[in-house]
Structure formats: C-alpha cells, structure tokens
C-alpha cells in the first residue's frame, strides 16, 4: 500500500486486497465493513415505510394518475330537412310532403258553403312520399294554414276541394296531389304558411306558400 489509496475490503469485511492477492484480516473490528451499514440503512427504510403506512391508515398512498385526455364527443347526426321542389318538408330523413297549386279567395262551388265574415277560402294541393322503412300516416288534419294576419286555421271541406280520408303509406309509396281547403283573412294573400305536423305531439314544419 502506498498510503494514498485506501485499502479495498471484501464485502464481508474479512479480507483486503493488497494489490496481488486477498489477505485475511485479524479478528476484531473490521475496517471498511460496509454490510452492517447497508443492512442498518435498509432496516431504517423499512421502519420509516411502516410509519408512513400507519399514518395513512394502513393503506399505501394512491399514486396520482395522469390526466386522461377528454375524448371527442360523439358526433350528433344532423337532421336533414332538405327536399325539393319547394315548398316542401322532410321529416325523419324520408317522410316528405310537397305543397303547390295555391289558390286564394276561391269559390266554394256551393251557395250554402260560405266563409266567415271577413274571411275567404284558400286551397292548396299536397303530395306525400314515404322513403322510410316504416308506414306513415297521411291526413288532411295534419295541416293548418297561417294566414297573412297571423291567424291559424284548421282544414275545411268545400265542393271545389273534395273530401279525402287519411291513408297509410308503405315504404316507397306516394300519395297525391290532394286538395286541402282553409279559411283565411280576406285581403291578405301574402304571408300564407302551411304548417305540417306529421306526428302527434311532434314538431311542426312551415311551408311558405306566399
């Protein structure tokens, strides 16, 4: 040994390396016995861990989880109400009604059929098309007419607009044109809107006629 390099001891502290061979140390305290320090440090770590667990109620502290990136919300299908020719409405992607042949202040064809005072008769033709897989009901009672004064009128029947009954349409079937008559405020031909309610307690569709 040159006095500058510390001696190298075996892990059990019983031998030291003289540069050429291992030499046994005499009995007694061993210099450089590292294993007692290692064992003592490990024991202290176990005790410290036990204290931490006891303070936490005997359960290891929950590890924080990385924030989960929010998933993109499921795309909501857009309700396609497009149809042609206008004026028309498309309900549930395939139950379609088309309006046309608007007539304002038409005669009833019967002297005993007269509108209320201040009103006139209005007729419009409607055609139904079912492109859905389920049957759909076509009825004149699914319509009201909003006149130019903002008043809504239910359907009436006059001789120039014959009565027709409700029918069910299967997939691919069409029905019409069928005439529907209403009363409306006299002298207000502009701003007429045919309001279609295809299902009971369902939403309305406005078909602007004038």
N, C-alpha and C. Protein backbone atom coordinates (compact mmCIF):
# COMPACT_ATOMS: atom_id res chain seq x y z
N UNK A 1 0.84 -1.20 0.00
CA UNK A 1 0.00 0.00 0.00
C UNK A 1 0.86 1.24 0.00
N UNK A 2 0.53 2.28 -0.78
CA UNK A 2 1.36 3.46 -0.88
C UNK A 2 0.94 4.57 0.08
N UNK A 3 -0.08 4.31 0.92
CA UNK A 3 -0.54 5.31 1.89
C UNK A 3 -1.48 6.32 1.31
N UNK A 4 -1.68 6.31 -0.01
CA UNK A 4 -2.59 7.28 -0.64
C UNK A 4 -3.88 6.64 -1.07
N UNK A 5 -3.82 5.40 -1.54
CA UNK A 5 -5.02 4.70 -1.99
C UNK A 5 -5.59 3.90 -0.84
N UNK A 6 -6.85 4.13 -0.44
CA UNK A 6 -7.41 3.36 0.68
C UNK A 6 -7.48 1.89 0.32
N UNK A 7 -7.32 1.03 1.31
CA UNK A 7 -7.37 -0.42 1.03
C UNK A 7 -8.76 -0.83 0.58
N UNK A 8 -8.80 -1.88 -0.23
CA UNK A 8 -10.06 -2.42 -0.76
C UNK A 8 -10.44 -3.65 0.04
N UNK A 9 -11.60 -3.61 0.71
CA UNK A 9 -12.02 -4.70 1.58
C UNK A 9 -13.09 -5.52 0.88
N UNK A 10 -13.16 -6.79 1.27
CA UNK A 10 -14.20 -7.68 0.74
C UNK A 10 -15.54 -7.28 1.36
N UNK A 11 -16.67 -7.65 0.70
CA UNK A 11 -17.98 -7.28 1.25
C UNK A 11 -18.23 -7.75 2.66
N UNK A 12 -17.64 -8.92 3.06
CA UNK A 12 -17.88 -9.41 4.42
C UNK A 12 -16.91 -8.82 5.44
N UNK A 13 -15.98 -7.97 5.00
CA UNK A 13 -15.06 -7.30 5.92
C UNK A 13 -13.96 -8.17 6.49
N UNK A 14 -13.78 -9.36 5.94
CA UNK A 14 -12.78 -10.27 6.48
C UNK A 14 -11.47 -10.29 5.67
N UNK A 15 -11.46 -9.67 4.51
CA UNK A 15 -10.30 -9.73 3.63
C UNK A 15 -10.03 -8.34 3.06
N UNK A 16 -8.78 -8.11 2.71
CA UNK A 16 -8.42 -6.90 1.99
C UNK A 16 -7.45 -7.24 0.88
N UNK A 17 -7.49 -6.45 -0.16
CA UNK A 17 -6.70 -6.72 -1.37
C UNK A 17 -5.42 -5.90 -1.30
N UNK A 18 -4.28 -6.65 -1.37
CA UNK A 18 -3.00 -5.94 -1.25
C UNK A 18 -2.41 -5.56 -2.60
N UNK A 19 -3.19 -5.75 -3.62
CA UNK A 19 -2.73 -5.44 -4.96
C UNK A 19 -2.37 -6.66 -5.77
N UNK A 20 -2.18 -7.77 -5.08
CA UNK A 20 -1.84 -9.01 -5.78
C UNK A 20 -2.68 -10.17 -5.31
N UNK A 21 -3.17 -10.09 -4.06
CA UNK A 21 -3.95 -11.20 -3.51
C UNK A 21 -4.79 -10.70 -2.34
N UNK A 22 -5.77 -11.54 -1.95
CA UNK A 22 -6.61 -11.25 -0.81
C UNK A 22 -5.90 -11.71 0.45
N UNK A 23 -5.85 -10.83 1.46
CA UNK A 23 -5.16 -11.12 2.73
C UNK A 23 -6.20 -11.10 3.84
N UNK A 24 -6.19 -12.16 4.66
CA UNK A 24 -7.14 -12.25 5.77
C UNK A 24 -6.83 -11.19 6.81
N UNK A 25 -7.90 -10.57 7.35
CA UNK A 25 -7.74 -9.60 8.43
C UNK A 25 -7.76 -10.31 9.77
N UNK A 26 -7.03 -9.79 10.76
CA UNK A 26 -7.07 -10.39 12.10
C UNK A 26 -8.43 -10.19 12.73
N UNK A 27 -8.81 -11.06 13.71
CA UNK A 27 -10.10 -10.90 14.38
C UNK A 27 -10.20 -9.54 15.04
N UNK A 28 -11.44 -9.08 15.22
CA UNK A 28 -11.68 -7.77 15.82
C UNK A 28 -12.45 -6.90 14.87
N UNK A 29 -12.59 -5.64 15.25
CA UNK A 29 -13.35 -4.74 14.36
C UNK A 29 -12.73 -4.68 12.98
N UNK A 30 -13.54 -4.75 11.97
CA UNK A 30 -13.09 -4.70 10.59
C UNK A 30 -13.25 -3.30 10.06
N UNK A 31 -12.20 -2.81 9.51
CA UNK A 31 -12.31 -1.54 8.82
C UNK A 31 -12.98 -1.76 7.48
N UNK A 32 -13.82 -0.87 7.16
CA UNK A 32 -14.47 -0.94 5.83
C UNK A 32 -15.53 -1.99 5.74
N UNK A 33 -16.05 -2.47 6.86
CA UNK A 33 -17.16 -3.42 6.77
C UNK A 33 -18.43 -2.65 6.41
N UNK A 34 -18.79 -2.79 5.17
CA UNK A 34 -19.90 -1.97 4.68
C UNK A 34 -21.26 -2.63 4.89
N UNK A 35 -21.27 -3.95 4.98
CA UNK A 35 -22.59 -4.59 5.03
C UNK A 35 -23.41 -4.24 6.26
N UNK A 36 -22.77 -3.99 7.48
CA UNK A 36 -23.65 -3.57 8.60
C UNK A 36 -24.33 -2.25 8.31
N UNK A 37 -23.60 -1.33 7.66
CA UNK A 37 -24.22 -0.04 7.35
C UNK A 37 -25.35 -0.21 6.34
N UNK A 38 -25.11 -1.08 5.36
CA UNK A 38 -26.17 -1.31 4.34
C UNK A 38 -27.40 -1.92 4.99
N UNK A 39 -27.15 -2.95 5.84
CA UNK A 39 -28.29 -3.61 6.50
C UNK A 39 -29.03 -2.65 7.41
N UNK A 40 -28.24 -1.82 8.14
CA UNK A 40 -28.89 -0.85 9.01
C UNK A 40 -29.72 0.16 8.25
N UNK A 41 -29.17 0.62 7.12
CA UNK A 41 -29.94 1.57 6.30
C UNK A 41 -31.22 0.96 5.77
N UNK A 42 -31.14 -0.32 5.35
CA UNK A 42 -32.35 -0.99 4.85
C UNK A 42 -33.38 -1.13 5.94
N UNK A 43 -32.91 -1.49 7.16
CA UNK A 43 -33.85 -1.64 8.28
C UNK A 43 -34.52 -0.31 8.59
N UNK A 44 -33.74 0.76 8.58
CA UNK A 44 -34.33 2.08 8.86
C UNK A 44 -35.36 2.46 7.82
N UNK A 45 -35.10 2.10 6.57
CA UNK A 45 -36.05 2.40 5.50
C UNK A 45 -37.35 1.65 5.69
N UNK A 46 -37.24 0.37 6.13
CA UNK A 46 -38.45 -0.43 6.38
C UNK A 46 -39.27 0.19 7.50
N UNK A 47 -38.58 0.62 8.60
CA UNK A 47 -39.29 1.23 9.72
C UNK A 47 -39.99 2.51 9.28
N UNK A 48 -39.28 3.34 8.50
CA UNK A 48 -39.86 4.59 8.04
C UNK A 48 -41.08 4.35 7.16
N UNK A 49 -41.00 3.33 6.30
CA UNK A 49 -42.14 3.00 5.45
C UNK A 49 -43.32 2.54 6.27
N UNK A 50 -43.02 1.76 7.35
CA UNK A 50 -44.11 1.29 8.21
C UNK A 50 -44.81 2.43 8.89
N UNK A 51 -44.04 3.44 9.35
CA UNK A 51 -44.65 4.61 10.00
C UNK A 51 -45.54 5.37 9.03
N UNK A 52 -45.08 5.51 7.78
CA UNK A 52 -45.87 6.23 6.78
C UNK A 52 -47.17 5.51 6.49
N UNK A 53 -47.09 4.15 6.39
CA UNK A 53 -48.31 3.38 6.13
C UNK A 53 -49.27 3.48 7.30
N UNK A 54 -48.74 3.45 8.52
CA UNK A 54 -49.62 3.54 9.69
C UNK A 54 -50.32 4.88 9.74
N UNK A 55 -49.60 5.96 9.41
CA UNK A 55 -50.22 7.29 9.43
C UNK A 55 -51.26 7.44 8.35
N UNK A 56 -51.17 6.64 7.30
CA UNK A 56 -52.14 6.70 6.20
C UNK A 56 -53.26 5.71 6.38
N UNK A 57 -53.39 5.15 7.61
CA UNK A 57 -54.48 4.21 7.84
C UNK A 57 -54.16 2.82 7.35
N UNK A 58 -52.89 2.51 7.21
CA UNK A 58 -52.52 1.15 6.80
C UNK A 58 -52.62 0.92 5.32
N UNK A 59 -52.91 1.96 4.57
CA UNK A 59 -53.04 1.80 3.12
C UNK A 59 -52.01 2.67 2.44
N UNK A 60 -51.38 2.16 1.42
CA UNK A 60 -50.40 2.97 0.69
C UNK A 60 -51.09 4.13 0.01
N UNK A 61 -50.39 5.25 -0.04
CA UNK A 61 -50.97 6.42 -0.69
C UNK A 61 -51.23 6.14 -2.15
N UNK A 62 -52.39 6.59 -2.61
CA UNK A 62 -52.74 6.36 -4.02
C UNK A 62 -51.82 7.17 -4.91
N UNK A 63 -51.35 6.51 -5.93
CA UNK A 63 -50.49 7.20 -6.87
C UNK A 63 -51.33 8.06 -7.79
N UNK A 64 -50.85 9.23 -8.02
CA UNK A 64 -51.58 10.13 -8.90
C UNK A 64 -51.57 9.57 -10.31
N UNK A 65 -52.71 9.63 -10.93
CA UNK A 65 -52.85 9.13 -12.28
C UNK A 65 -52.72 10.28 -13.26
N UNK A 66 -52.10 10.02 -14.38
CA UNK A 66 -52.01 11.09 -15.38
C UNK A 66 -53.39 11.47 -15.88
N UNK A 67 -53.55 12.73 -16.14
CA UNK A 67 -54.83 13.21 -16.64
C UNK A 67 -55.16 12.53 -17.95
N UNK A 68 -56.39 12.08 -18.03
CA UNK A 68 -56.84 11.40 -19.25
C UNK A 68 -57.36 12.45 -20.21
N UNK A 69 -56.87 12.40 -21.40
CA UNK A 69 -57.31 13.37 -22.40
C UNK A 69 -58.79 13.17 -22.68
N UNK A 70 -59.58 14.23 -22.66
CA UNK A 70 -61.01 14.07 -22.92
C UNK A 70 -61.26 13.54 -24.31
N UNK A 71 -62.15 12.57 -24.38
CA UNK A 71 -62.48 12.01 -25.68
C UNK A 71 -63.42 12.93 -26.42
N UNK A 72 -63.34 12.89 -27.69
CA UNK A 72 -64.19 13.75 -28.52
C UNK A 72 -65.63 13.28 -28.43
N UNK A 73 -66.53 14.23 -28.22
CA UNK A 73 -67.94 13.88 -28.11
C UNK A 73 -68.42 13.24 -29.41
N UNK A 74 -69.32 12.25 -29.22
CA UNK A 74 -69.85 11.58 -30.39
C UNK A 74 -70.60 12.56 -31.27
N UNK A 75 -70.33 12.43 -32.50
CA UNK A 75 -70.94 13.35 -33.44
C UNK A 75 -72.44 13.15 -33.48
N UNK A 76 -73.18 14.23 -33.35
CA UNK A 76 -74.64 14.17 -33.40
C UNK A 76 -75.08 14.29 -34.85
N UNK A 77 -75.87 13.32 -35.33
CA UNK A 77 -76.29 13.40 -36.73
C UNK A 77 -77.14 14.63 -36.99
N UNK A 78 -76.89 15.29 -38.07
CA UNK A 78 -77.63 16.48 -38.44
C UNK A 78 -78.95 16.08 -39.09
N UNK A 79 -80.03 16.66 -38.61
CA UNK A 79 -81.34 16.35 -39.17
C UNK A 79 -81.46 16.99 -40.54
N UNK A 80 -81.61 16.14 -41.54
CA UNK A 80 -81.65 16.62 -42.91
C UNK A 80 -83.09 16.89 -43.30
N UNK A 81 -83.45 18.18 -43.33
CA UNK A 81 -84.81 18.54 -43.70
C UNK A 81 -84.91 19.04 -45.13
N UNK A 82 -83.85 18.81 -45.92
CA UNK A 82 -83.84 19.31 -47.29
C UNK A 82 -84.77 18.49 -48.17
N UNK A 83 -85.35 19.14 -49.12
CA UNK A 83 -86.23 18.47 -50.08
C UNK A 83 -86.44 19.41 -51.26
N UNK A 84 -87.04 18.88 -52.29
CA UNK A 84 -87.31 19.67 -53.50
C UNK A 84 -88.45 19.00 -54.25
N UNK A 85 -89.23 19.77 -55.02
CA UNK A 85 -89.18 21.23 -55.14
C UNK A 85 -89.85 21.90 -53.94
N UNK A 86 -89.49 23.13 -53.69
CA UNK A 86 -90.09 23.92 -52.62
C UNK A 86 -91.45 24.45 -53.09
N UNK A 87 -92.40 24.72 -52.15
CA UNK A 87 -92.31 24.48 -50.71
C UNK A 87 -92.54 23.02 -50.35
N UNK A 88 -91.69 22.49 -49.45
CA UNK A 88 -91.82 21.11 -49.02
C UNK A 88 -91.17 20.94 -47.66
N UNK A 89 -91.34 19.78 -47.05
CA UNK A 89 -90.73 19.47 -45.75
C UNK A 89 -90.37 18.00 -45.73
N UNK A 90 -89.27 17.68 -45.03
CA UNK A 90 -88.76 16.32 -44.96
C UNK A 90 -88.59 15.96 -43.49
N UNK A 91 -89.38 15.02 -43.01
CA UNK A 91 -89.34 14.62 -41.61
C UNK A 91 -88.70 13.24 -41.47
N UNK A 92 -87.80 13.09 -40.46
CA UNK A 92 -87.18 11.80 -40.16
C UNK A 92 -86.42 11.21 -41.35
N UNK A 93 -85.80 12.07 -42.13
CA UNK A 93 -84.93 11.63 -43.23
C UNK A 93 -85.66 10.88 -44.34
N UNK A 94 -86.94 11.13 -44.52
CA UNK A 94 -87.59 10.43 -45.62
C UNK A 94 -89.11 10.46 -45.67
N UNK A 95 -89.76 11.17 -44.76
CA UNK A 95 -91.21 11.32 -44.83
C UNK A 95 -91.45 12.75 -45.31
N UNK A 96 -91.86 12.85 -46.59
CA UNK A 96 -91.80 14.13 -47.30
C UNK A 96 -93.20 14.57 -47.74
N UNK A 97 -93.47 15.86 -47.59
CA UNK A 97 -94.69 16.44 -48.13
C UNK A 97 -94.31 17.65 -48.99
N UNK A 98 -94.97 17.75 -50.12
CA UNK A 98 -94.74 18.87 -51.04
C UNK A 98 -96.07 19.58 -51.28
N UNK A 99 -96.02 20.93 -51.29
CA UNK A 99 -97.23 21.72 -51.48
C UNK A 99 -97.16 22.48 -52.80
N UNK A 100 -98.34 22.79 -53.37
CA UNK A 100 -98.40 23.54 -54.62
C UNK A 100 -99.82 23.90 -54.98
N UNK A 101 -99.97 24.56 -56.13
CA UNK A 101 -101.28 24.94 -56.66
C UNK A 101 -102.09 25.75 -55.63
N UNK A 102 -101.45 26.79 -55.09
CA UNK A 102 -102.12 27.64 -54.11
C UNK A 102 -103.18 28.49 -54.81
N UNK A 103 -104.37 28.56 -54.21
CA UNK A 103 -105.43 29.40 -54.74
C UNK A 103 -106.07 30.17 -53.59
N UNK A 104 -106.14 31.50 -53.78
CA UNK A 104 -106.65 32.39 -52.74
C UNK A 104 -107.99 32.97 -53.17
N UNK A 105 -108.92 33.04 -52.23
CA UNK A 105 -110.27 33.55 -52.47
C UNK A 105 -110.96 32.77 -53.58
N UNK A 106 -111.03 31.46 -53.36
CA UNK A 106 -111.67 30.59 -54.35
C UNK A 106 -113.15 30.40 -53.99
N UNK A 107 -114.00 30.18 -55.00
CA UNK A 107 -115.41 29.92 -54.71
C UNK A 107 -115.56 28.52 -54.11
N UNK A 108 -116.61 28.35 -53.32
CA UNK A 108 -116.83 27.06 -52.68
C UNK A 108 -117.50 26.08 -53.63
N UNK A 109 -118.20 26.61 -54.65
CA UNK A 109 -118.96 25.74 -55.54
C UNK A 109 -120.30 25.36 -54.98
N UNK A 110 -120.66 25.94 -53.84
CA UNK A 110 -121.94 25.63 -53.21
C UNK A 110 -122.43 26.91 -52.53
N UNK A 111 -123.61 27.40 -52.89
CA UNK A 111 -124.10 28.65 -52.30
C UNK A 111 -124.28 28.57 -50.78
N UNK A 112 -124.37 27.37 -50.26
CA UNK A 112 -124.58 27.23 -48.82
C UNK A 112 -123.24 27.11 -48.05
N UNK A 113 -122.17 27.05 -48.81
CA UNK A 113 -120.85 26.99 -48.16
C UNK A 113 -120.18 28.36 -48.28
N UNK A 114 -120.19 29.08 -47.20
CA UNK A 114 -119.62 30.42 -47.21
C UNK A 114 -118.62 30.56 -46.07
N UNK A 115 -117.57 31.33 -46.30
CA UNK A 115 -116.61 31.55 -45.21
C UNK A 115 -117.18 32.50 -44.18
N UNK A 116 -116.56 32.56 -43.04
CA UNK A 116 -116.96 33.51 -42.01
C UNK A 116 -116.76 34.93 -42.52
N UNK A 117 -117.46 35.86 -41.91
CA UNK A 117 -117.33 37.27 -42.31
C UNK A 117 -115.88 37.73 -42.17
N UNK A 118 -115.38 38.36 -43.22
CA UNK A 118 -114.01 38.85 -43.22
C UNK A 118 -112.99 37.82 -43.66
N UNK A 119 -113.47 36.61 -44.04
CA UNK A 119 -112.57 35.55 -44.50
C UNK A 119 -112.84 35.17 -45.95
N UNK A 120 -111.95 34.45 -46.53
CA UNK A 120 -112.11 33.85 -47.86
C UNK A 120 -111.64 32.40 -47.76
N UNK A 121 -111.96 31.63 -48.78
CA UNK A 121 -111.46 30.26 -48.87
C UNK A 121 -110.12 30.23 -49.60
N UNK A 122 -109.24 29.36 -49.11
CA UNK A 122 -107.93 29.14 -49.72
C UNK A 122 -107.75 27.65 -49.90
N UNK A 123 -107.24 27.23 -51.06
CA UNK A 123 -106.96 25.81 -51.29
C UNK A 123 -105.49 25.63 -51.67
N UNK A 124 -104.95 24.46 -51.33
CA UNK A 124 -103.58 24.11 -51.67
C UNK A 124 -103.54 22.60 -51.87
N UNK A 125 -102.68 22.14 -52.77
CA UNK A 125 -102.53 20.71 -53.03
C UNK A 125 -101.28 20.20 -52.31
N UNK A 126 -101.37 19.00 -51.74
CA UNK A 126 -100.24 18.39 -51.04
C UNK A 126 -99.98 17.00 -51.60
N UNK A 127 -98.73 16.62 -51.67
CA UNK A 127 -98.32 15.29 -52.13
C UNK A 127 -97.37 14.69 -51.10
N UNK A 128 -97.60 13.43 -50.73
CA UNK A 128 -96.80 12.73 -49.73
C UNK A 128 -95.91 11.69 -50.40
N UNK A 129 -94.71 11.53 -49.88
CA UNK A 129 -93.77 10.49 -50.33
C UNK A 129 -93.11 9.87 -49.11
N UNK A 130 -93.17 8.53 -49.04
CA UNK A 130 -92.57 7.83 -47.91
C UNK A 130 -91.32 7.07 -48.35
N UNK A 131 -90.17 7.48 -47.85
CA UNK A 131 -88.91 6.78 -48.13
C UNK A 131 -88.36 6.07 -46.89
N UNK A 132 -89.18 5.99 -45.87
CA UNK A 132 -88.77 5.32 -44.64
C UNK A 132 -89.14 3.84 -44.68
N UNK A 133 -88.57 3.07 -43.74
CA UNK A 133 -88.85 1.64 -43.69
C UNK A 133 -90.19 1.35 -43.03
N UNK A 134 -90.74 2.32 -42.28
CA UNK A 134 -92.00 2.11 -41.58
C UNK A 134 -93.13 2.86 -42.26
N UNK A 135 -94.36 2.41 -42.02
CA UNK A 135 -95.53 3.07 -42.59
C UNK A 135 -95.71 4.45 -41.98
N UNK A 136 -96.24 5.38 -42.80
CA UNK A 136 -96.51 6.73 -42.34
C UNK A 136 -97.95 7.10 -42.68
N UNK A 137 -98.54 7.94 -41.82
CA UNK A 137 -99.93 8.32 -41.99
C UNK A 137 -100.04 9.69 -42.65
N UNK A 138 -100.82 9.74 -43.73
CA UNK A 138 -101.07 11.00 -44.45
C UNK A 138 -102.52 11.40 -44.21
N UNK A 139 -102.69 12.61 -43.67
CA UNK A 139 -104.03 13.05 -43.30
C UNK A 139 -104.17 14.55 -43.54
N UNK A 140 -105.36 15.01 -43.99
CA UNK A 140 -105.57 16.45 -44.14
C UNK A 140 -105.60 17.16 -42.79
N UNK A 141 -105.80 16.40 -41.71
CA UNK A 141 -105.87 17.02 -40.40
C UNK A 141 -104.48 17.23 -39.79
N UNK A 142 -103.43 16.89 -40.53
CA UNK A 142 -102.06 17.19 -40.08
C UNK A 142 -101.63 18.60 -40.48
N UNK A 143 -102.57 19.38 -41.09
CA UNK A 143 -102.21 20.72 -41.59
C UNK A 143 -103.08 21.79 -40.95
N UNK A 144 -102.47 22.98 -40.78
CA UNK A 144 -103.22 24.20 -40.51
C UNK A 144 -102.63 25.27 -41.41
N UNK A 145 -103.41 26.30 -41.69
CA UNK A 145 -102.94 27.41 -42.52
C UNK A 145 -102.80 28.66 -41.66
N UNK A 146 -101.60 29.21 -41.65
CA UNK A 146 -101.39 30.51 -41.01
C UNK A 146 -101.55 31.59 -42.06
N UNK A 147 -102.54 32.46 -41.85
CA UNK A 147 -102.82 33.45 -42.89
C UNK A 147 -101.96 34.69 -42.73
N UNK A 148 -102.21 35.69 -43.63
CA UNK A 148 -101.40 36.90 -43.63
C UNK A 148 -101.54 37.74 -42.38
N UNK A 149 -102.60 37.50 -41.60
CA UNK A 149 -102.81 38.24 -40.36
C UNK A 149 -102.24 37.50 -39.16
N UNK A 150 -101.62 36.32 -39.38
CA UNK A 150 -101.05 35.54 -38.29
C UNK A 150 -102.02 34.62 -37.60
N UNK A 151 -103.22 34.44 -38.20
CA UNK A 151 -104.22 33.55 -37.61
C UNK A 151 -104.08 32.17 -38.23
N UNK A 152 -104.15 31.13 -37.39
CA UNK A 152 -104.05 29.76 -37.89
C UNK A 152 -105.43 29.12 -37.99
N UNK A 153 -105.68 28.48 -39.13
CA UNK A 153 -106.99 27.89 -39.42
C UNK A 153 -106.84 26.39 -39.69
N UNK A 154 -107.80 25.62 -39.16
CA UNK A 154 -107.82 24.18 -39.44
C UNK A 154 -108.49 23.94 -40.79
N UNK A 155 -108.33 22.72 -41.30
CA UNK A 155 -108.85 22.38 -42.63
C UNK A 155 -110.38 22.35 -42.63
N UNK A 156 -110.95 22.78 -43.76
CA UNK A 156 -112.40 22.68 -44.01
C UNK A 156 -112.58 21.99 -45.35
N UNK A 157 -113.83 21.64 -45.65
CA UNK A 157 -114.10 20.95 -46.91
C UNK A 157 -115.19 21.70 -47.66
N UNK A 158 -114.89 21.94 -48.91
CA UNK A 158 -115.84 22.64 -49.79
C UNK A 158 -115.96 21.83 -51.07
N UNK A 159 -116.97 22.13 -51.84
CA UNK A 159 -117.22 21.35 -53.06
C UNK A 159 -116.06 21.44 -54.05
N UNK A 160 -115.39 22.58 -54.13
CA UNK A 160 -114.27 22.72 -55.07
C UNK A 160 -112.98 22.08 -54.54
N UNK A 161 -113.03 21.55 -53.33
CA UNK A 161 -111.88 20.82 -52.75
C UNK A 161 -112.44 19.58 -52.07
N UNK A 162 -112.63 18.51 -52.83
CA UNK A 162 -113.33 17.32 -52.33
C UNK A 162 -112.68 16.72 -51.09
N UNK A 163 -113.49 16.09 -50.28
CA UNK A 163 -113.04 15.43 -49.07
C UNK A 163 -112.22 14.19 -49.41
N UNK A 164 -111.18 13.95 -48.65
CA UNK A 164 -110.41 12.71 -48.77
C UNK A 164 -110.02 12.23 -47.38
N UNK A 165 -109.94 10.94 -47.24
CA UNK A 165 -109.65 10.34 -45.93
C UNK A 165 -108.17 10.08 -45.74
N UNK A 166 -107.77 9.91 -44.48
CA UNK A 166 -106.38 9.61 -44.16
C UNK A 166 -106.01 8.22 -44.65
N UNK A 167 -104.76 8.06 -45.06
CA UNK A 167 -104.25 6.78 -45.54
C UNK A 167 -102.87 6.52 -44.93
N UNK A 168 -102.43 5.26 -44.96
CA UNK A 168 -101.08 4.90 -44.56
C UNK A 168 -100.26 4.59 -45.80
N UNK A 169 -99.04 5.06 -45.83
CA UNK A 169 -98.15 4.82 -46.96
C UNK A 169 -97.01 3.91 -46.52
N UNK A 170 -96.81 2.83 -47.27
CA UNK A 170 -95.68 1.94 -47.01
C UNK A 170 -94.43 2.51 -47.67
N UNK A 171 -93.32 1.85 -47.46
CA UNK A 171 -92.04 2.36 -47.98
C UNK A 171 -92.07 2.44 -49.51
N UNK A 172 -91.69 3.60 -50.02
CA UNK A 172 -91.64 3.82 -51.46
C UNK A 172 -92.93 4.33 -52.07
N UNK A 173 -94.00 4.42 -51.26
CA UNK A 173 -95.29 4.84 -51.80
C UNK A 173 -95.42 6.36 -51.80
N UNK A 174 -96.23 6.87 -52.73
CA UNK A 174 -96.55 8.29 -52.81
C UNK A 174 -98.06 8.44 -52.86
N UNK A 175 -98.54 9.62 -52.44
CA UNK A 175 -99.97 9.87 -52.42
C UNK A 175 -100.21 11.34 -52.69
N UNK A 176 -101.08 11.62 -53.69
CA UNK A 176 -101.39 13.00 -54.03
C UNK A 176 -101.11 13.27 -55.50
N UNK A 177 -101.33 14.51 -55.91
CA UNK A 177 -101.72 15.65 -55.06
C UNK A 177 -103.17 15.59 -54.59
N UNK A 178 -103.37 16.00 -53.33
CA UNK A 178 -104.68 16.03 -52.72
C UNK A 178 -104.95 17.47 -52.25
N UNK A 179 -106.18 17.91 -52.48
CA UNK A 179 -106.54 19.27 -52.15
C UNK A 179 -106.93 19.40 -50.67
N UNK A 180 -106.48 20.49 -50.05
CA UNK A 180 -106.87 20.82 -48.68
C UNK A 180 -107.34 22.28 -48.69
N UNK A 181 -108.50 22.55 -48.07
CA UNK A 181 -109.09 23.88 -48.04
C UNK A 181 -109.04 24.47 -46.64
N UNK A 182 -108.93 25.79 -46.59
CA UNK A 182 -108.89 26.53 -45.33
C UNK A 182 -109.63 27.85 -45.51
N UNK A 183 -109.94 28.46 -44.40
CA UNK A 183 -110.34 29.85 -44.42
C UNK A 183 -109.11 30.70 -44.10
N UNK A 184 -109.14 31.96 -44.56
CA UNK A 184 -108.04 32.88 -44.29
C UNK A 184 -108.59 34.29 -44.30
N UNK A 185 -107.86 35.20 -43.67
CA UNK A 185 -108.29 36.60 -43.60
C UNK A 185 -108.36 37.20 -45.00
N UNK A 186 -109.46 37.87 -45.32
CA UNK A 186 -109.65 38.48 -46.64
C UNK A 186 -108.68 39.64 -46.83
N UNK A 187 -108.27 39.84 -48.08
CA UNK A 187 -107.40 40.94 -48.43
C UNK A 187 -105.97 40.79 -47.95
N UNK A 188 -105.56 39.59 -47.51
CA UNK A 188 -104.19 39.36 -47.05
C UNK A 188 -103.62 38.13 -47.74
N UNK A 189 -103.41 38.19 -49.06
CA UNK A 189 -102.92 36.99 -49.76
C UNK A 189 -101.43 36.69 -49.51
N UNK A 190 -100.69 37.69 -49.07
CA UNK A 190 -99.26 37.47 -48.81
C UNK A 190 -99.05 36.90 -47.40
N UNK A 191 -97.96 36.18 -47.23
CA UNK A 191 -97.60 35.65 -45.91
C UNK A 191 -98.33 34.39 -45.52
N UNK A 192 -98.87 33.65 -46.48
CA UNK A 192 -99.55 32.39 -46.16
C UNK A 192 -98.51 31.30 -45.90
N UNK A 193 -98.70 30.55 -44.82
CA UNK A 193 -97.77 29.47 -44.42
C UNK A 193 -98.59 28.22 -44.11
N UNK A 194 -98.26 27.12 -44.77
CA UNK A 194 -98.88 25.84 -44.48
C UNK A 194 -98.04 25.15 -43.40
N UNK A 195 -98.66 24.87 -42.26
CA UNK A 195 -97.95 24.25 -41.13
C UNK A 195 -98.29 22.77 -41.09
N UNK A 196 -97.25 21.93 -41.19
CA UNK A 196 -97.43 20.47 -41.22
C UNK A 196 -96.93 19.88 -39.91
N UNK A 197 -97.79 19.09 -39.25
CA UNK A 197 -97.41 18.35 -38.05
C UNK A 197 -97.53 16.87 -38.37
N UNK A 198 -96.43 16.22 -38.78
CA UNK A 198 -96.52 14.85 -39.27
C UNK A 198 -96.84 13.82 -38.21
N UNK A 199 -96.54 14.12 -36.94
CA UNK A 199 -96.78 13.15 -35.87
C UNK A 199 -97.48 13.83 -34.70
N UNK A 200 -98.28 13.07 -34.00
CA UNK A 200 -98.99 13.60 -32.85
C UNK A 200 -97.97 14.05 -31.81
N UNK A 201 -98.14 15.27 -31.31
CA UNK A 201 -97.24 15.86 -30.32
C UNK A 201 -95.82 15.99 -30.85
N UNK A 202 -95.67 16.00 -32.18
CA UNK A 202 -94.34 16.17 -32.78
C UNK A 202 -94.09 17.60 -33.18
N UNK A 203 -92.94 17.82 -33.82
CA UNK A 203 -92.59 19.15 -34.26
C UNK A 203 -93.34 19.58 -35.50
N UNK A 204 -93.39 20.90 -35.74
CA UNK A 204 -94.08 21.47 -36.89
C UNK A 204 -93.08 21.85 -37.98
N UNK A 205 -93.55 21.84 -39.22
CA UNK A 205 -92.78 22.30 -40.37
C UNK A 205 -93.59 23.38 -41.07
N UNK A 206 -92.90 24.51 -41.36
CA UNK A 206 -93.56 25.63 -42.03
C UNK A 206 -93.23 25.61 -43.52
N UNK A 207 -94.25 25.51 -44.34
CA UNK A 207 -94.10 25.57 -45.79
C UNK A 207 -94.66 26.91 -46.23
N UNK A 208 -93.78 27.82 -46.64
CA UNK A 208 -94.21 29.15 -47.01
C UNK A 208 -94.81 29.13 -48.41
N UNK A 209 -96.06 29.55 -48.49
CA UNK A 209 -96.80 29.48 -49.75
C UNK A 209 -96.78 30.80 -50.50
N UNK A 210 -96.71 31.93 -49.79
CA UNK A 210 -96.73 33.24 -50.47
C UNK A 210 -95.99 34.28 -49.63
